[in-house]
Amino acid sequence: MKYKTFRGVLIGGASIGAIGGLILLTSAWTRHRSEQRAEAQALVEETRARARAEATNLPALPTQPTSVAPTSTDAKRSPIRPMDRSILAIAAKNMTDDKIKDAFSGSPYKVSFYREGSRTQPARAKVDLDRDEKWDEKWTFEDDGGKLKVKRSVAPNDDEQYRDEFRLEGEEWVRKN
């Protein structure tokens, strides 16, 4: 075999080997990214399923949007709503993620919970009563020596301007002056 032929075969073989290696690396990287996306999606679905399972152990959720209408902001005291009980039940539980988005999907309202810092339970929640992508209420949860203190700020005009503030006392919301 001539040197030119040998060199051509050697260079051609090396080129084919390099291209094949690149194809294998690219397909492995693509497969790895797909697996990562699938794992992330599975984690999100698991968190949502856990929130739904916890919600099924709660009192029945209201089915009519009228039952979740904001509490009259003129009253000094008002009873808690069935929706409030569901929110409080989730707020008392530990969270594994920093956020639970739409914890009660399928209900006439949307509730998202947020964990902050080293807390294991939610620190805040936001409520969209009519699912119009504007938050109607924001809740703040504080641990006061093992007792949950809850503050609820309400935007009475559905404009995310929280003008009214309530504190939870037993089974009633008390308006803050």
Protein backbone atom coordinates (compact mmCIF):
# COMPACT_ATOMS: atom_id res chain seq x y z
CA MET A 1 0.00 0.00 0.00
CA LYS A 2 1.29 3.42 -0.87
CA TYR A 3 1.85 6.02 1.81
CA LYS A 4 -0.76 8.39 0.27
CA THR A 5 -3.39 5.65 0.36
CA PHE A 6 -2.49 4.69 3.93
CA ARG A 7 -2.63 8.33 5.06
CA GLY A 8 -6.02 8.81 3.36
CA VAL A 9 -7.46 5.70 5.01
CA LEU A 10 -6.07 6.80 8.40
CA ILE A 11 -7.43 10.36 8.12
CA GLY A 12 -10.81 9.12 6.80
CA GLY A 13 -11.13 6.58 9.63
CA ALA A 14 -10.23 9.18 12.26
CA SER A 15 -12.76 11.61 10.79
CA ILE A 16 -15.52 9.00 10.79
CA GLY A 17 -14.62 8.06 14.37
CA ALA A 18 -14.70 11.70 15.51
CA ILE A 19 -18.08 12.33 13.85
CA GLY A 20 -19.51 9.14 15.34
CA GLY A 21 -18.23 10.15 18.79
CA LEU A 22 -19.85 13.58 18.47
CA ILE A 23 -23.16 11.99 17.48
CA LEU A 24 -23.03 9.66 20.49
CA LEU A 25 -22.16 12.51 22.88
CA THR A 26 -24.94 14.71 21.49
CA SER A 27 -27.55 11.97 21.78
CA ALA A 28 -26.42 11.14 25.33
CA TRP A 29 -26.61 14.82 26.32
CA THR A 30 -30.06 15.17 24.74
CA ARG A 31 -31.25 12.03 26.54
CA HIS A 32 -29.85 13.37 29.84
CA ARG A 33 -31.65 16.73 29.41
CA SER A 34 -34.91 14.91 28.60
CA GLU A 35 -34.54 12.81 31.76
CA GLN A 36 -33.90 15.96 33.82
CA ARG A 37 -37.01 17.62 32.42
CA ALA A 38 -39.06 14.49 33.09
CA GLU A 39 -37.77 14.33 36.70
CA ALA A 40 -38.59 18.02 37.25
CA GLN A 41 -42.08 17.56 35.80
CA ALA A 42 -42.62 14.46 37.95
CA LEU A 43 -41.60 16.44 41.04
CA VAL A 44 -44.07 19.21 40.18
CA GLU A 45 -46.85 16.68 39.59
CA GLU A 46 -46.01 14.87 42.84
CA THR A 47 -46.24 18.16 44.78
CA ARG A 48 -49.58 18.99 43.17
CA ALA A 49 -50.88 15.48 43.84
CA ARG A 50 -49.77 15.73 47.47
CA ALA A 51 -51.57 19.08 47.83
CA ARG A 52 -54.71 17.63 46.22
CA ALA A 53 -54.55 14.57 48.50
CA GLU A 54 -54.23 16.79 51.54
CA ALA A 55 -57.14 18.86 50.26
CA THR A 56 -59.34 15.75 49.99
CA ASN A 57 -58.95 15.20 53.73
CA LEU A 58 -60.32 18.70 54.36
CA PRO A 59 -63.91 19.82 54.72
CA ALA A 60 -65.85 19.90 51.47
CA LEU A 61 -64.81 22.71 49.17
CA PRO A 62 -67.49 25.10 47.97
CA THR A 63 -68.69 24.50 44.44
CA GLN A 64 -70.44 27.79 43.75
CA PRO A 65 -68.32 30.91 43.17
CA THR A 66 -70.84 32.90 45.20
CA SER A 67 -69.83 31.00 48.34
CA VAL A 68 -66.32 32.43 48.14
CA ALA A 69 -67.32 36.05 47.71
CA PRO A 70 -65.22 38.39 49.80
CA THR A 71 -66.44 39.00 53.30
CA SER A 72 -68.22 42.30 53.67
CA THR A 73 -65.58 44.87 54.46
CA ASP A 74 -68.08 46.97 56.42
CA ALA A 75 -68.64 44.38 59.16
CA LYS A 76 -66.38 44.43 62.22
CA ARG A 77 -66.59 40.62 62.59
CA SER A 78 -67.44 37.94 60.06
CA PRO A 79 -67.35 34.13 60.20
CA ILE A 80 -64.71 32.18 58.33
CA ARG A 81 -65.70 30.66 55.01
CA PRO A 82 -65.36 26.98 54.02
CA MET A 83 -62.54 28.05 51.69
CA ASP A 84 -60.74 29.63 54.67
CA ARG A 85 -60.80 26.30 56.52
CA SER A 86 -59.14 24.61 53.55
CA ILE A 87 -56.45 27.28 53.34
CA LEU A 88 -55.78 27.09 57.08
CA ALA A 89 -55.47 23.30 56.90
CA ILE A 90 -52.76 23.55 54.22
CA ALA A 91 -51.04 26.40 56.11
CA ALA A 92 -50.65 24.13 59.15
CA LYS A 93 -48.78 21.48 57.14
CA ASN A 94 -45.11 21.33 56.15
CA MET A 95 -44.12 22.20 52.58
CA THR A 96 -41.31 20.49 50.67
CA ASP A 97 -41.07 23.14 47.94
CA ASP A 98 -40.86 26.92 48.16
CA LYS A 99 -44.16 27.36 46.33
CA ILE A 100 -47.42 25.50 45.77
CA LYS A 101 -49.17 27.02 42.80
CA ASP A 102 -52.96 26.56 42.51
CA ALA A 103 -53.28 24.23 45.48
CA PHE A 104 -57.01 23.67 44.83
CA SER A 105 -57.07 23.31 41.04
CA GLY A 106 -60.56 22.67 39.77
CA SER A 107 -62.15 24.89 42.41
CA PRO A 108 -63.72 28.27 41.58
CA TYR A 109 -60.81 30.02 43.31
CA LYS A 110 -57.03 29.84 43.02
CA VAL A 111 -54.70 29.71 46.04
CA SER A 112 -50.90 29.73 45.95
CA PHE A 113 -48.74 29.14 49.02
CA TYR A 114 -45.21 30.44 49.56
CA ARG A 115 -42.55 29.27 51.99
CA GLU A 116 -39.79 31.67 53.03
CA GLY A 117 -36.41 31.24 54.63
CA SER A 118 -35.90 28.21 56.83
CA ARG A 119 -39.61 27.81 57.60
CA THR A 120 -41.16 24.45 56.85
CA GLN A 121 -44.72 25.77 56.75
CA PRO A 122 -46.10 28.44 54.41
CA ALA A 123 -45.36 32.05 55.32
CA ARG A 124 -47.78 33.57 52.82
CA ALA A 125 -50.70 32.70 50.57
CA LYS A 126 -52.40 34.58 47.76
CA VAL A 127 -56.03 34.05 46.78
CA ASP A 128 -57.72 34.79 43.45
CA LEU A 129 -61.43 34.35 44.15
CA ASP A 130 -62.60 34.50 40.53
CA ARG A 131 -59.50 33.23 38.68
CA ASP A 132 -59.08 36.47 36.74
CA GLU A 133 -55.29 36.51 37.31
CA LYS A 134 -55.60 39.32 39.87
CA TRP A 135 -55.02 38.44 43.52
CA ASP A 136 -58.03 39.36 45.68
CA GLU A 137 -56.48 38.47 49.04
CA LYS A 138 -53.07 37.93 50.52
CA TRP A 139 -52.58 36.05 53.75
CA THR A 140 -49.63 36.11 56.15
CA PHE A 141 -49.00 33.26 58.58
CA GLU A 142 -46.89 33.74 61.71
CA ASP A 143 -45.94 31.17 64.32
CA ASP A 144 -46.57 32.65 67.76
CA GLY A 145 -45.22 30.05 70.16
CA GLY A 146 -46.93 27.12 68.45
CA LYS A 147 -50.10 29.08 67.68
CA LEU A 148 -50.76 30.21 64.13
CA LYS A 149 -51.47 33.93 63.76
CA VAL A 150 -53.19 34.82 60.50
CA LYS A 151 -53.50 38.22 58.84
CA ARG A 152 -55.68 38.60 55.74
CA SER A 153 -55.42 41.63 53.46
CA VAL A 154 -58.30 42.13 51.02
CA ALA A 155 -58.49 44.08 47.75
CA PRO A 156 -62.22 44.95 47.71
CA ASN A 157 -62.15 46.27 44.13
CA ASP A 158 -60.33 43.25 42.62
CA ASP A 159 -57.40 45.51 41.72
CA GLU A 160 -54.63 44.07 43.93
CA GLN A 161 -54.83 47.20 46.12
CA TYR A 162 -55.16 45.71 49.60
CA ARG A 163 -57.16 48.26 51.59
CA ASP A 164 -58.87 46.10 54.20
CA GLU A 165 -57.12 44.03 56.83
CA PHE A 166 -58.48 41.25 59.02
CA ARG A 167 -57.07 39.10 61.82
CA LEU A 168 -58.27 35.59 62.57
CA GLU A 169 -59.63 35.19 66.08
CA GLY A 170 -61.06 31.75 66.67
CA GLU A 171 -63.73 31.17 64.03
CA GLU A 172 -64.10 34.82 63.02
CA TRP A 173 -62.31 37.42 61.00
CA VAL A 174 -61.95 40.67 62.93
CA ARG A 175 -61.44 43.83 60.95
CA LYS A 176 -58.39 45.84 61.92
CA ASN A 177 -59.16 49.55 62.33
